[in-house]
Amino acid sequence: GLPFLIKLSHRVPLLLTLHDEWVYTGHCASTLGCRRWELGCGSCPDKKIYPEINRDSTAYNWKRKRDIYQQSRLYVTTPSHWLMERVGRSMFNPQNTQVIHNSVNLEIFKPPQNLQFLKKQLDIPNDVIVLLAVVQKWNDFKDYETIEKSLRYLSGYARLQKRKVLFLNLGAEVDIEGSISGIPMRKISYIADPKKIASFYQVADIFLQASHADNFPTTVLEALACGTPVIATAVGGIPEQIEEGKTGFLIPRKDYEAMSTRIITLIEDDTLRNQMSKNAVDISQRRFGLDLMLDEYLTWYQQIMVDWQTNK
């Protein structure tokens, strides 16, 4: 457990990569607007936030974590500046810090070589606009409801009747075909093969990401790398992934009308959508490749070793 960090961090240089907020809270993986973590937690307003707890021991947990960190020598990296800023306001006491963005395998997540052939393989007509999302209703931090509401709202646009739309939802419990207010929908169950996952991003025209809280979601990176413009809620580190108006659009949390409006913009403007697709691929290759992430880690490892030896 965490107490082992004290001894281990004084024996060897110890680097932690953080992917959520748990390290500086009394129990939750995402604070969802609560600021008790800045003061010491206690009187937890929602013990059911993942990971769920049965009794309120959040103040004790917070103090125990603080005491462990104060006795440890830790080097901390986060995928987003958003999370690092919060680390700086927390009781965490890192020796040194570095922001290193997550990455994707650009050999797998890339634009399709033959889009028509791929659509035929996946049984997707050539004349439809494909909207894609990766959502699980059981995840408290994702916001499937806003995506569903945006599609219902979208179905009311008379102009939409000129363009056929198909909604694909990756991550469902079982394969299901249906519709949302007349918009055809396919729910596709869990896929383990990254190449098969990439194929759905490649046939998509627009990727939808709605979250109550997020750090630096890999799904957004995968979509961009495949050349799929993204419409996403501006929470956590997502604004660091999307360049507004260039690779996609950012919308306020829970704003299904804004999501629908942006979907319509991209459906109606083929030129803009195609340009965003090209921008997404170009920026992904410059910012989110595995090689870049590995180089940044190796460079920082070297700096850590020097710091470790100097400040023993």
C-alpha atoms as a PDB file:
ATOM      1  CA  GLY A   1       0.000   0.000   0.000  1.00  0.00           C
ATOM      2  CA  LEU A   2       0.906   3.674   0.174  1.00  0.00           C
ATOM      3  CA  PRO A   3       3.029   3.423   3.369  1.00  0.00           C
ATOM      4  CA  PHE A   4       5.580   1.418   1.364  1.00  0.00           C
ATOM      5  CA  LEU A   5       6.286   4.582  -0.651  1.00  0.00           C
ATOM      6  CA  ILE A   6       8.250   6.013   2.261  1.00  0.00           C
ATOM      7  CA  LYS A   7      10.929   3.305   2.346  1.00  0.00           C
ATOM      8  CA  LEU A   8      10.961   2.637  -1.376  1.00  0.00           C
ATOM      9  CA  SER A   9      11.286   6.312  -2.346  1.00  0.00           C
ATOM     10  CA  HIS A  10      14.404   6.648  -0.168  1.00  0.00           C
ATOM     11  CA  ARG A  11      16.018   3.598  -1.723  1.00  0.00           C
ATOM     12  CA  VAL A  12      15.470   4.314  -5.419  1.00  0.00           C
ATOM     13  CA  PRO A  13      14.174   7.243  -7.507  1.00  0.00           C
ATOM     14  CA  LEU A  14      10.423   6.736  -7.559  1.00  0.00           C
ATOM     15  CA  LEU A  15       8.259   8.182 -10.331  1.00  0.00           C
ATOM     16  CA  LEU A  16       4.462   8.186 -10.156  1.00  0.00           C
ATOM     17  CA  THR A  17       2.235   8.822 -13.179  1.00  0.00           C
ATOM     18  CA  LEU A  18      -1.182  10.066 -12.049  1.00  0.00           C
ATOM     19  CA  HIS A  19      -4.306   9.386 -14.081  1.00  0.00           C
ATOM     20  CA  ASP A  20      -6.988  10.668 -11.716  1.00  0.00           C
ATOM     21  CA  GLU A  21      -7.401  12.617  -8.466  1.00  0.00           C
ATOM     22  CA  TRP A  22      -7.412   9.770  -5.936  1.00  0.00           C
ATOM     23  CA  VAL A  23      -3.893  10.435  -4.638  1.00  0.00           C
ATOM     24  CA  TYR A  24      -4.868  13.692  -2.947  1.00  0.00           C
ATOM     25  CA  THR A  25      -8.471  13.022  -1.915  1.00  0.00           C
ATOM     26  CA  GLY A  26     -10.059  11.248   1.000  1.00  0.00           C
ATOM     27  CA  HIS A  27     -11.525   8.586  -1.259  1.00  0.00           C
ATOM     28  CA  CYS A  28     -12.787   9.673  -4.697  1.00  0.00           C
ATOM     29  CA  ALA A  29     -11.089   9.286  -8.062  1.00  0.00           C
ATOM     30  CA  SER A  30     -12.678  12.506  -9.289  1.00  0.00           C
ATOM     31  CA  THR A  31     -13.757  15.434  -7.143  1.00  0.00           C
ATOM     32  CA  LEU A  32     -16.593  16.530  -9.498  1.00  0.00           C
ATOM     33  CA  GLY A  33     -16.475  20.123  -8.283  1.00  0.00           C
ATOM     34  CA  CYS A  34     -16.087  19.355  -4.562  1.00  0.00           C
ATOM     35  CA  ARG A  35     -13.204  21.309  -2.967  1.00  0.00           C
ATOM     36  CA  ARG A  36     -12.951  19.520   0.381  1.00  0.00           C
ATOM     37  CA  TRP A  37      -9.752  17.846  -0.829  1.00  0.00           C
ATOM     38  CA  GLU A  38      -8.003  21.230  -0.536  1.00  0.00           C
ATOM     39  CA  LEU A  39      -8.828  21.474   3.176  1.00  0.00           C
ATOM     40  CA  GLY A  40      -8.679  17.902   4.428  1.00  0.00           C
ATOM     41  CA  CYS A  41     -11.901  16.201   3.321  1.00  0.00           C
ATOM     42  CA  GLY A  42     -14.314  14.880   5.966  1.00  0.00           C
ATOM     43  CA  SER A  43     -18.122  15.085   5.923  1.00  0.00           C
ATOM     44  CA  CYS A  44     -18.010  13.596   2.447  1.00  0.00           C
ATOM     45  CA  PRO A  45     -20.971  14.778   0.348  1.00  0.00           C
ATOM     46  CA  ASP A  46     -21.027  11.615  -1.782  1.00  0.00           C
ATOM     47  CA  LYS A  47     -19.547   8.374  -0.505  1.00  0.00           C
ATOM     48  CA  LYS A  48     -20.832   6.542  -3.599  1.00  0.00           C
ATOM     49  CA  ILE A  49     -18.442   8.275  -5.991  1.00  0.00           C
ATOM     50  CA  TYR A  50     -15.965   5.709  -7.315  1.00  0.00           C
ATOM     51  CA  PRO A  51     -14.315   4.058  -5.447  1.00  0.00           C
ATOM     52  CA  GLU A  52     -17.419   3.782  -3.238  1.00  0.00           C
ATOM     53  CA  ILE A  53     -16.985   3.693   0.555  1.00  0.00           C
ATOM     54  CA  ASN A  54     -19.401   2.496   3.233  1.00  0.00           C
ATOM     55  CA  ARG A  55     -18.423   4.941   5.995  1.00  0.00           C
ATOM     56  CA  ASP A  56     -16.925   8.408   6.025  1.00  0.00           C
ATOM     57  CA  SER A  57     -13.237   7.935   6.796  1.00  0.00           C
ATOM     58  CA  THR A  58     -12.220  10.574   4.268  1.00  0.00           C
ATOM     59  CA  ALA A  59     -10.594  12.952   6.773  1.00  0.00           C
ATOM     60  CA  TYR A  60      -8.457  10.142   8.190  1.00  0.00           C
ATOM     61  CA  ASN A  61      -7.522   8.913   4.716  1.00  0.00           C
ATOM     62  CA  TRP A  62      -6.574  12.440   3.630  1.00  0.00           C
ATOM     63  CA  LYS A  63      -4.328  13.005   6.653  1.00  0.00           C
ATOM     64  CA  ARG A  64      -2.742   9.558   6.285  1.00  0.00           C
ATOM     65  CA  LYS A  65      -1.901  10.264   2.646  1.00  0.00           C
ATOM     66  CA  ARG A  66      -0.474  13.683   3.549  1.00  0.00           C
ATOM     67  CA  ASP A  67       1.769  12.175   6.230  1.00  0.00           C
ATOM     68  CA  ILE A  68       3.041   9.491   3.836  1.00  0.00           C
ATOM     69  CA  TYR A  69       3.816  11.994   1.090  1.00  0.00           C
ATOM     70  CA  GLN A  70       5.631  14.340   3.476  1.00  0.00           C
ATOM     71  CA  GLN A  71       7.980  11.502   4.415  1.00  0.00           C
ATOM     72  CA  SER A  72       8.519  10.347   0.821  1.00  0.00           C
ATOM     73  CA  ARG A  73      10.673  11.504  -2.081  1.00  0.00           C
ATOM     74  CA  LEU A  74       8.383  11.329  -5.094  1.00  0.00           C
ATOM     75  CA  TYR A  75       8.694  12.433  -8.698  1.00  0.00           C
ATOM     76  CA  VAL A  76       5.274  12.997 -10.246  1.00  0.00           C
ATOM     77  CA  THR A  77       4.075  13.227 -13.820  1.00  0.00           C
ATOM     78  CA  THR A  78       0.559  13.840 -15.110  1.00  0.00           C
ATOM     79  CA  PRO A  79      -0.875  13.622 -18.634  1.00  0.00           C
ATOM     80  CA  SER A  80      -2.475  17.066 -18.382  1.00  0.00           C
ATOM     81  CA  HIS A  81      -1.621  20.519 -17.081  1.00  0.00           C
ATOM     82  CA  TRP A  82      -5.104  20.548 -15.562  1.00  0.00           C
ATOM     83  CA  LEU A  83      -4.280  17.663 -13.226  1.00  0.00           C
ATOM     84  CA  MET A  84      -0.805  19.024 -12.448  1.00  0.00           C
ATOM     85  CA  GLU A  85      -2.290  22.354 -11.400  1.00  0.00           C
ATOM     86  CA  ARG A  86      -4.510  20.512  -8.945  1.00  0.00           C
ATOM     87  CA  VAL A  87      -1.549  18.527  -7.637  1.00  0.00           C
ATOM     88  CA  GLY A  88       0.100  21.868  -6.883  1.00  0.00           C
ATOM     89  CA  ARG A  89      -2.891  22.916  -4.769  1.00  0.00           C
ATOM     90  CA  SER A  90      -3.107  19.609  -2.906  1.00  0.00           C
ATOM     91  CA  MET A  91      -1.330  18.141   0.119  1.00  0.00           C
ATOM     92  CA  PHE A  92       0.902  16.207  -2.274  1.00  0.00           C
ATOM     93  CA  ASN A  93       4.571  16.959  -1.765  1.00  0.00           C
ATOM     94  CA  PRO A  94       6.466  15.847  -4.892  1.00  0.00           C
ATOM     95  CA  GLN A  95      10.218  16.205  -5.238  1.00  0.00           C
ATOM     96  CA  ASN A  96       9.790  17.293  -8.826  1.00  0.00           C
ATOM     97  CA  THR A  97       7.032  17.298 -11.455  1.00  0.00           C
ATOM     98  CA  GLN A  98       6.593  17.055 -15.207  1.00  0.00           C
ATOM     99  CA  VAL A  99       3.590  17.068 -17.551  1.00  0.00           C
ATOM    100  CA  ILE A 100       3.892  14.345 -20.196  1.00  0.00           C
ATOM    101  CA  HIS A 101       0.879  13.861 -22.444  1.00  0.00           C
ATOM    102  CA  ASN A 102      -0.537  10.408 -23.108  1.00  0.00           C
ATOM    103  CA  SER A 103      -0.024   8.992 -26.562  1.00  0.00           C
ATOM    104  CA  VAL A 104      -1.455   6.487 -29.030  1.00  0.00           C
ATOM    105  CA  ASN A 105       0.078   4.028 -31.447  1.00  0.00           C
ATOM    106  CA  LEU A 106       0.037   5.934 -34.721  1.00  0.00           C
ATOM    107  CA  GLU A 107       0.783   2.739 -36.627  1.00  0.00           C
ATOM    108  CA  ILE A 108      -2.692   1.506 -35.644  1.00  0.00           C
ATOM    109  CA  PHE A 109      -4.686   4.682 -35.098  1.00  0.00           C
ATOM    110  CA  LYS A 110      -4.339   6.418 -38.441  1.00  0.00           C
ATOM    111  CA  PRO A 111      -6.533   7.468 -41.375  1.00  0.00           C
ATOM    112  CA  PRO A 112      -7.978   4.585 -43.434  1.00  0.00           C
ATOM    113  CA  GLN A 113      -6.207   3.521 -46.603  1.00  0.00           C
ATOM    114  CA  ASN A 114      -9.444   2.444 -48.303  1.00  0.00           C
ATOM    115  CA  LEU A 115     -12.488   3.983 -46.661  1.00  0.00           C
ATOM    116  CA  GLN A 116     -15.082   2.424 -48.986  1.00  0.00           C
ATOM    117  CA  PHE A 117     -13.673  -1.074 -48.435  1.00  0.00           C
ATOM    118  CA  LEU A 118     -13.631  -0.535 -44.661  1.00  0.00           C
ATOM    119  CA  LYS A 119     -17.231   0.672 -44.627  1.00  0.00           C
ATOM    120  CA  LYS A 120     -18.251  -2.388 -46.605  1.00  0.00           C
ATOM    121  CA  GLN A 121     -16.523  -4.622 -44.054  1.00  0.00           C
ATOM    122  CA  LEU A 122     -18.418  -2.934 -41.232  1.00  0.00           C
ATOM    123  CA  ASP A 123     -21.698  -2.862 -43.175  1.00  0.00           C
ATOM    124  CA  ILE A 124     -21.918   0.933 -43.205  1.00  0.00           C
ATOM    125  CA  PRO A 125     -23.459   2.640 -46.254  1.00  0.00           C
ATOM    126  CA  ASN A 126     -21.242   5.094 -48.091  1.00  0.00           C
ATOM    127  CA  ASP A 127     -23.826   7.870 -48.067  1.00  0.00           C
ATOM    128  CA  VAL A 128     -24.287   8.230 -44.275  1.00  0.00           C
ATOM    129  CA  ILE A 129     -22.657  10.596 -41.811  1.00  0.00           C
ATOM    130  CA  VAL A 130     -21.291   8.424 -39.009  1.00  0.00           C
ATOM    131  CA  LEU A 131     -21.352   9.747 -35.441  1.00  0.00           C
ATOM    132  CA  LEU A 132     -19.262   7.726 -33.000  1.00  0.00           C
ATOM    133  CA  ALA A 133     -19.031   7.650 -29.221  1.00  0.00           C
ATOM    134  CA  VAL A 134     -17.387   5.352 -26.697  1.00  0.00           C
ATOM    135  CA  VAL A 135     -19.675   5.308 -23.689  1.00  0.00           C
ATOM    136  CA  GLN A 136     -20.606   3.116 -20.751  1.00  0.00           C
ATOM    137  CA  LYS A 137     -23.651   4.009 -18.690  1.00  0.00           C
ATOM    138  CA  TRP A 138     -22.094   2.495 -15.565  1.00  0.00           C
ATOM    139  CA  ASN A 139     -19.254   5.029 -15.516  1.00  0.00           C
ATOM    140  CA  ASP A 140     -20.177   7.903 -13.181  1.00  0.00           C
ATOM    141  CA  PHE A 141     -17.650  10.234 -14.797  1.00  0.00           C
ATOM    142  CA  LYS A 142     -18.853   9.825 -18.388  1.00  0.00           C
ATOM    143  CA  ASP A 143     -22.015  11.509 -19.600  1.00  0.00           C
ATOM    144  CA  TYR A 144     -23.964   9.295 -21.991  1.00  0.00           C
ATOM    145  CA  GLU A 145     -27.135  11.241 -21.199  1.00  0.00           C
ATOM    146  CA  THR A 146     -25.878  14.413 -22.894  1.00  0.00           C
ATOM    147  CA  ILE A 147     -24.952  12.485 -26.041  1.00  0.00           C
ATOM    148  CA  GLU A 148     -28.368  10.831 -26.146  1.00  0.00           C
ATOM    149  CA  LYS A 149     -30.144  14.148 -25.553  1.00  0.00           C
ATOM    150  CA  SER A 150     -28.105  15.805 -28.295  1.00  0.00           C
ATOM    151  CA  LEU A 151     -29.190  13.121 -30.763  1.00  0.00           C
ATOM    152  CA  ARG A 152     -32.841  13.548 -29.793  1.00  0.00           C
ATOM    153  CA  TYR A 153     -32.457  17.296 -30.210  1.00  0.00           C
ATOM    154  CA  LEU A 154     -30.638  16.742 -33.493  1.00  0.00           C
ATOM    155  CA  SER A 155     -33.508  14.707 -34.910  1.00  0.00           C
ATOM    156  CA  GLY A 156     -35.685  17.832 -34.830  1.00  0.00           C
ATOM    157  CA  TYR A 157     -33.599  19.661 -37.426  1.00  0.00           C
ATOM    158  CA  ALA A 158     -35.586  19.663 -40.684  1.00  0.00           C
ATOM    159  CA  ARG A 159     -32.388  20.224 -42.685  1.00  0.00           C
ATOM    160  CA  LEU A 160     -30.977  16.976 -41.329  1.00  0.00           C
ATOM    161  CA  GLN A 161     -33.405  15.023 -43.492  1.00  0.00           C
ATOM    162  CA  LYS A 162     -31.148  15.781 -46.457  1.00  0.00           C
ATOM    163  CA  ARG A 163     -28.287  13.816 -44.892  1.00  0.00           C
ATOM    164  CA  LYS A 164     -28.485  10.289 -43.531  1.00  0.00           C
ATOM    165  CA  VAL A 165     -26.957   9.876 -40.083  1.00  0.00           C
ATOM    166  CA  LEU A 166     -25.852   6.724 -38.227  1.00  0.00           C
ATOM    167  CA  PHE A 167     -24.843   6.687 -34.558  1.00  0.00           C
ATOM    168  CA  LEU A 168     -22.306   4.066 -33.414  1.00  0.00           C
ATOM    169  CA  ASN A 169     -21.769   3.435 -29.701  1.00  0.00           C
ATOM    170  CA  LEU A 170     -18.704   1.404 -28.755  1.00  0.00           C
ATOM    171  CA  GLY A 171     -18.594  -0.214 -25.341  1.00  0.00           C
ATOM    172  CA  ALA A 172     -22.140  -1.503 -24.944  1.00  0.00           C
ATOM    173  CA  GLU A 173     -22.838  -4.657 -22.965  1.00  0.00           C
ATOM    174  CA  VAL A 174     -24.248  -6.433 -26.017  1.00  0.00           C
ATOM    175  CA  ASP A 175     -24.644  -5.725 -29.727  1.00  0.00           C
ATOM    176  CA  ILE A 176     -27.935  -3.906 -30.324  1.00  0.00           C
ATOM    177  CA  GLU A 177     -29.501  -2.159 -33.294  1.00  0.00           C
ATOM    178  CA  GLY A 178     -32.157   0.465 -32.753  1.00  0.00           C
ATOM    179  CA  SER A 179     -32.743   4.180 -33.067  1.00  0.00           C
ATOM    180  CA  ILE A 180     -32.812   7.392 -31.065  1.00  0.00           C
ATOM    181  CA  SER A 181     -35.727   9.588 -32.162  1.00  0.00           C
ATOM    182  CA  GLY A 182     -35.457   8.189 -35.666  1.00  0.00           C
ATOM    183  CA  ILE A 183     -31.652   8.308 -35.920  1.00  0.00           C
ATOM    184  CA  PRO A 184     -30.403   4.755 -36.590  1.00  0.00           C
ATOM    185  CA  MET A 185     -28.103   3.465 -33.828  1.00  0.00           C
ATOM    186  CA  ARG A 186     -25.795   0.507 -33.386  1.00  0.00           C
ATOM    187  CA  LYS A 187     -24.468  -0.428 -29.983  1.00  0.00           C
ATOM    188  CA  ILE A 188     -21.302  -2.470 -30.330  1.00  0.00           C
ATOM    189  CA  SER A 189     -20.059  -4.622 -27.462  1.00  0.00           C
ATOM    190  CA  TYR A 190     -16.534  -4.617 -26.030  1.00  0.00           C
ATOM    191  CA  ILE A 191     -13.713  -5.042 -28.554  1.00  0.00           C
ATOM    192  CA  ALA A 192     -10.227  -6.076 -27.449  1.00  0.00           C
ATOM    193  CA  ASP A 193      -8.396  -5.813 -30.777  1.00  0.00           C
ATOM    194  CA  PRO A 194      -6.935  -2.260 -31.185  1.00  0.00           C
ATOM    195  CA  LYS A 195      -7.028  -2.560 -34.983  1.00  0.00           C
ATOM    196  CA  LYS A 196     -10.733  -3.360 -34.916  1.00  0.00           C
ATOM    197  CA  ILE A 197     -11.321  -0.442 -32.545  1.00  0.00           C
ATOM    198  CA  ALA A 198      -9.377   1.837 -34.894  1.00  0.00           C
ATOM    199  CA  SER A 199     -11.569   0.773 -37.815  1.00  0.00           C
ATOM    200  CA  PHE A 200     -14.622   2.348 -36.171  1.00  0.00           C
ATOM    201  CA  TYR A 201     -12.809   5.637 -35.609  1.00  0.00           C
ATOM    202  CA  GLN A 202     -11.677   5.506 -39.248  1.00  0.00           C
ATOM    203  CA  VAL A 203     -15.197   5.216 -40.663  1.00  0.00           C
ATOM    204  CA  ALA A 204     -16.570   7.895 -38.318  1.00  0.00           C
ATOM    205  CA  ASP A 205     -17.114  11.447 -39.533  1.00  0.00           C
ATOM    206  CA  ILE A 206     -17.523  12.965 -36.053  1.00  0.00           C
ATOM    207  CA  PHE A 207     -16.523  11.697 -32.600  1.00  0.00           C
ATOM    208  CA  LEU A 208     -18.601  12.678 -29.569  1.00  0.00           C
ATOM    209  CA  GLN A 209     -17.097  12.824 -26.078  1.00  0.00           C
ATOM    210  CA  ALA A 210     -19.245  13.890 -23.132  1.00  0.00           C
ATOM    211  CA  SER A 211     -17.895  13.765 -19.582  1.00  0.00           C
ATOM    212  CA  HIS A 212     -18.711  15.057 -16.138  1.00  0.00           C
ATOM    213  CA  ALA A 213     -15.009  14.734 -15.305  1.00  0.00           C
ATOM    214  CA  ASP A 214     -11.987  13.609 -17.315  1.00  0.00           C
ATOM    215  CA  ASN A 215      -8.218  13.868 -17.289  1.00  0.00           C
ATOM    216  CA  PHE A 216      -6.748  13.191 -20.744  1.00  0.00           C
ATOM    217  CA  PRO A 217      -9.015  10.591 -22.375  1.00  0.00           C
ATOM    218  CA  THR A 218      -7.350   8.199 -24.782  1.00  0.00           C
ATOM    219  CA  THR A 219     -10.533   7.963 -26.842  1.00  0.00           C
ATOM    220  CA  VAL A 220     -10.121  11.586 -27.938  1.00  0.00           C
ATOM    221  CA  LEU A 221      -6.521  10.935 -28.982  1.00  0.00           C
ATOM    222  CA  GLU A 222      -7.529   7.816 -30.903  1.00  0.00           C
ATOM    223  CA  ALA A 223     -10.226   9.703 -32.775  1.00  0.00           C
ATOM    224  CA  LEU A 224      -7.932  12.598 -33.690  1.00  0.00           C
ATOM    225  CA  ALA A 225      -5.165  10.253 -34.829  1.00  0.00           C
ATOM    226  CA  CYS A 226      -7.626   8.585 -37.217  1.00  0.00           C
ATOM    227  CA  GLY A 227      -8.607  11.970 -38.609  1.00  0.00           C
ATOM    228  CA  THR A 228     -11.988  12.210 -36.918  1.00  0.00           C
ATOM    229  CA  PRO A 229     -13.016  15.688 -35.680  1.00  0.00           C
ATOM    230  CA  VAL A 230     -14.111  15.691 -32.029  1.00  0.00           C
ATOM    231  CA  ILE A 231     -16.945  17.474 -30.261  1.00  0.00           C
ATOM    232  CA  ALA A 232     -16.334  17.235 -26.511  1.00  0.00           C
ATOM    233  CA  THR A 233     -17.180  18.781 -23.172  1.00  0.00           C
ATOM    234  CA  ALA A 234     -14.564  21.253 -21.955  1.00  0.00           C
ATOM    235  CA  VAL A 235     -13.704  19.524 -18.676  1.00  0.00           C
ATOM    236  CA  GLY A 236     -10.388  18.437 -17.156  1.00  0.00           C
ATOM    237  CA  GLY A 237      -7.565  18.103 -19.658  1.00  0.00           C
ATOM    238  CA  ILE A 238      -9.772  17.764 -22.748  1.00  0.00           C
ATOM    239  CA  PRO A 239      -9.180  21.412 -23.811  1.00  0.00           C
ATOM    240  CA  GLU A 240      -5.472  20.506 -24.000  1.00  0.00           C
ATOM    241  CA  GLN A 241      -6.263  17.821 -26.585  1.00  0.00           C
ATOM    242  CA  ILE A 242      -8.604  19.674 -28.929  1.00  0.00           C
ATOM    243  CA  GLU A 243      -7.704  22.838 -30.793  1.00  0.00           C
ATOM    244  CA  GLU A 244     -10.976  24.769 -30.939  1.00  0.00           C
ATOM    245  CA  GLY A 245     -12.194  25.220 -34.481  1.00  0.00           C
ATOM    246  CA  LYS A 246      -9.183  23.363 -35.912  1.00  0.00           C
ATOM    247  CA  THR A 247      -9.556  19.743 -34.790  1.00  0.00           C
ATOM    248  CA  GLY A 248     -12.997  19.942 -33.213  1.00  0.00           C
ATOM    249  CA  PHE A 249     -15.242  21.903 -30.894  1.00  0.00           C
ATOM    250  CA  LEU A 250     -15.444  22.268 -27.114  1.00  0.00           C
ATOM    251  CA  ILE A 251     -18.828  22.670 -25.450  1.00  0.00           C
ATOM    252  CA  PRO A 252     -19.998  23.352 -21.871  1.00  0.00           C
ATOM    253  CA  ARG A 253     -20.697  20.328 -19.673  1.00  0.00           C
ATOM    254  CA  LYS A 254     -24.223  18.902 -20.072  1.00  0.00           C
ATOM    255  CA  ASP A 255     -24.997  21.292 -22.942  1.00  0.00           C
ATOM    256  CA  TYR A 256     -26.703  18.933 -25.380  1.00  0.00           C
ATOM    257  CA  GLU A 257     -28.000  21.829 -27.484  1.00  0.00           C
ATOM    258  CA  ALA A 258     -24.446  23.064 -28.059  1.00  0.00           C
ATOM    259  CA  MET A 259     -23.354  19.545 -29.002  1.00  0.00           C
ATOM    260  CA  SER A 260     -26.235  19.250 -31.484  1.00  0.00           C
ATOM    261  CA  THR A 261     -25.435  22.645 -33.007  1.00  0.00           C
ATOM    262  CA  ARG A 262     -21.798  21.681 -33.531  1.00  0.00           C
ATOM    263  CA  ILE A 263     -22.819  18.346 -35.043  1.00  0.00           C
ATOM    264  CA  ILE A 264     -25.033  20.177 -37.531  1.00  0.00           C
ATOM    265  CA  THR A 265     -22.173  22.547 -38.391  1.00  0.00           C
ATOM    266  CA  LEU A 266     -19.899  19.647 -39.296  1.00  0.00           C
ATOM    267  CA  ILE A 267     -22.609  17.696 -41.110  1.00  0.00           C
ATOM    268  CA  GLU A 268     -23.471  20.658 -43.320  1.00  0.00           C
ATOM    269  CA  ASP A 269     -19.934  21.898 -43.963  1.00  0.00           C
ATOM    270  CA  ASP A 270     -18.011  19.144 -45.726  1.00  0.00           C
ATOM    271  CA  THR A 271     -15.077  21.474 -46.365  1.00  0.00           C
ATOM    272  CA  LEU A 272     -14.700  22.337 -42.677  1.00  0.00           C
ATOM    273  CA  ARG A 273     -15.070  18.719 -41.618  1.00  0.00           C
ATOM    274  CA  ASN A 274     -12.434  17.556 -44.112  1.00  0.00           C
ATOM    275  CA  GLN A 275     -10.034  20.322 -43.070  1.00  0.00           C
ATOM    276  CA  MET A 276     -10.496  19.423 -39.402  1.00  0.00           C
ATOM    277  CA  SER A 277      -9.747  15.815 -40.278  1.00  0.00           C
ATOM    278  CA  LYS A 278      -6.453  16.802 -41.920  1.00  0.00           C
ATOM    279  CA  ASN A 279      -5.571  19.082 -38.995  1.00  0.00           C
ATOM    280  CA  ALA A 280      -6.310  16.303 -36.500  1.00  0.00           C
ATOM    281  CA  VAL A 281      -3.955  13.873 -38.205  1.00  0.00           C
ATOM    282  CA  ASP A 282      -1.184  16.459 -38.541  1.00  0.00           C
ATOM    283  CA  ILE A 283      -1.404  17.601 -34.920  1.00  0.00           C
ATOM    284  CA  SER A 284      -1.635  14.020 -33.625  1.00  0.00           C
ATOM    285  CA  GLN A 285       1.563  13.084 -35.434  1.00  0.00           C
ATOM    286  CA  ARG A 286       3.343  16.070 -33.917  1.00  0.00           C
ATOM    287  CA  ARG A 287       1.956  15.814 -30.367  1.00  0.00           C
ATOM    288  CA  PHE A 288       0.579  12.381 -29.501  1.00  0.00           C
ATOM    289  CA  GLY A 289       2.875   9.708 -30.916  1.00  0.00           C
ATOM    290  CA  LEU A 290       4.354   6.946 -28.749  1.00  0.00           C
ATOM    291  CA  ASP A 291       7.903   7.900 -29.719  1.00  0.00           C
ATOM    292  CA  LEU A 292       7.446  11.445 -28.442  1.00  0.00           C
ATOM    293  CA  MET A 293       6.043  10.261 -25.126  1.00  0.00           C
ATOM    294  CA  LEU A 294       8.863   7.749 -24.665  1.00  0.00           C
ATOM    295  CA  ASP A 295      11.497  10.391 -25.473  1.00  0.00           C
ATOM    296  CA  GLU A 296       9.978  12.754 -22.898  1.00  0.00           C
ATOM    297  CA  TYR A 297       9.963  10.029 -20.238  1.00  0.00           C
ATOM    298  CA  LEU A 298      13.546   9.018 -20.958  1.00  0.00           C
ATOM    299  CA  THR A 299      14.717  12.635 -20.849  1.00  0.00           C
ATOM    300  CA  TRP A 300      12.992  13.143 -17.540  1.00  0.00           C
ATOM    301  CA  TYR A 301      14.399   9.889 -16.154  1.00  0.00           C
ATOM    302  CA  GLN A 302      17.870  11.240 -16.845  1.00  0.00           C
ATOM    303  CA  GLN A 303      17.057  14.483 -15.023  1.00  0.00           C
ATOM    304  CA  ILE A 304      15.612  12.510 -12.108  1.00  0.00           C
ATOM    305  CA  MET A 305      18.774  10.446 -11.768  1.00  0.00           C
ATOM    306  CA  VAL A 306      20.890  13.587 -11.576  1.00  0.00           C
ATOM    307  CA  ASP A 307      18.533  15.168  -9.032  1.00  0.00           C
ATOM    308  CA  TRP A 308      18.434  11.952  -7.011  1.00  0.00           C
ATOM    309  CA  GLN A 309      22.201  11.707  -6.753  1.00  0.00           C
ATOM    310  CA  THR A 310      22.584  15.417  -5.996  1.00  0.00           C
ATOM    311  CA  ASN A 311      19.973  15.570  -3.251  1.00  0.00           C
ATOM    312  CA  LYS A 312      20.487  12.257  -1.470  1.00  0.00           C
END
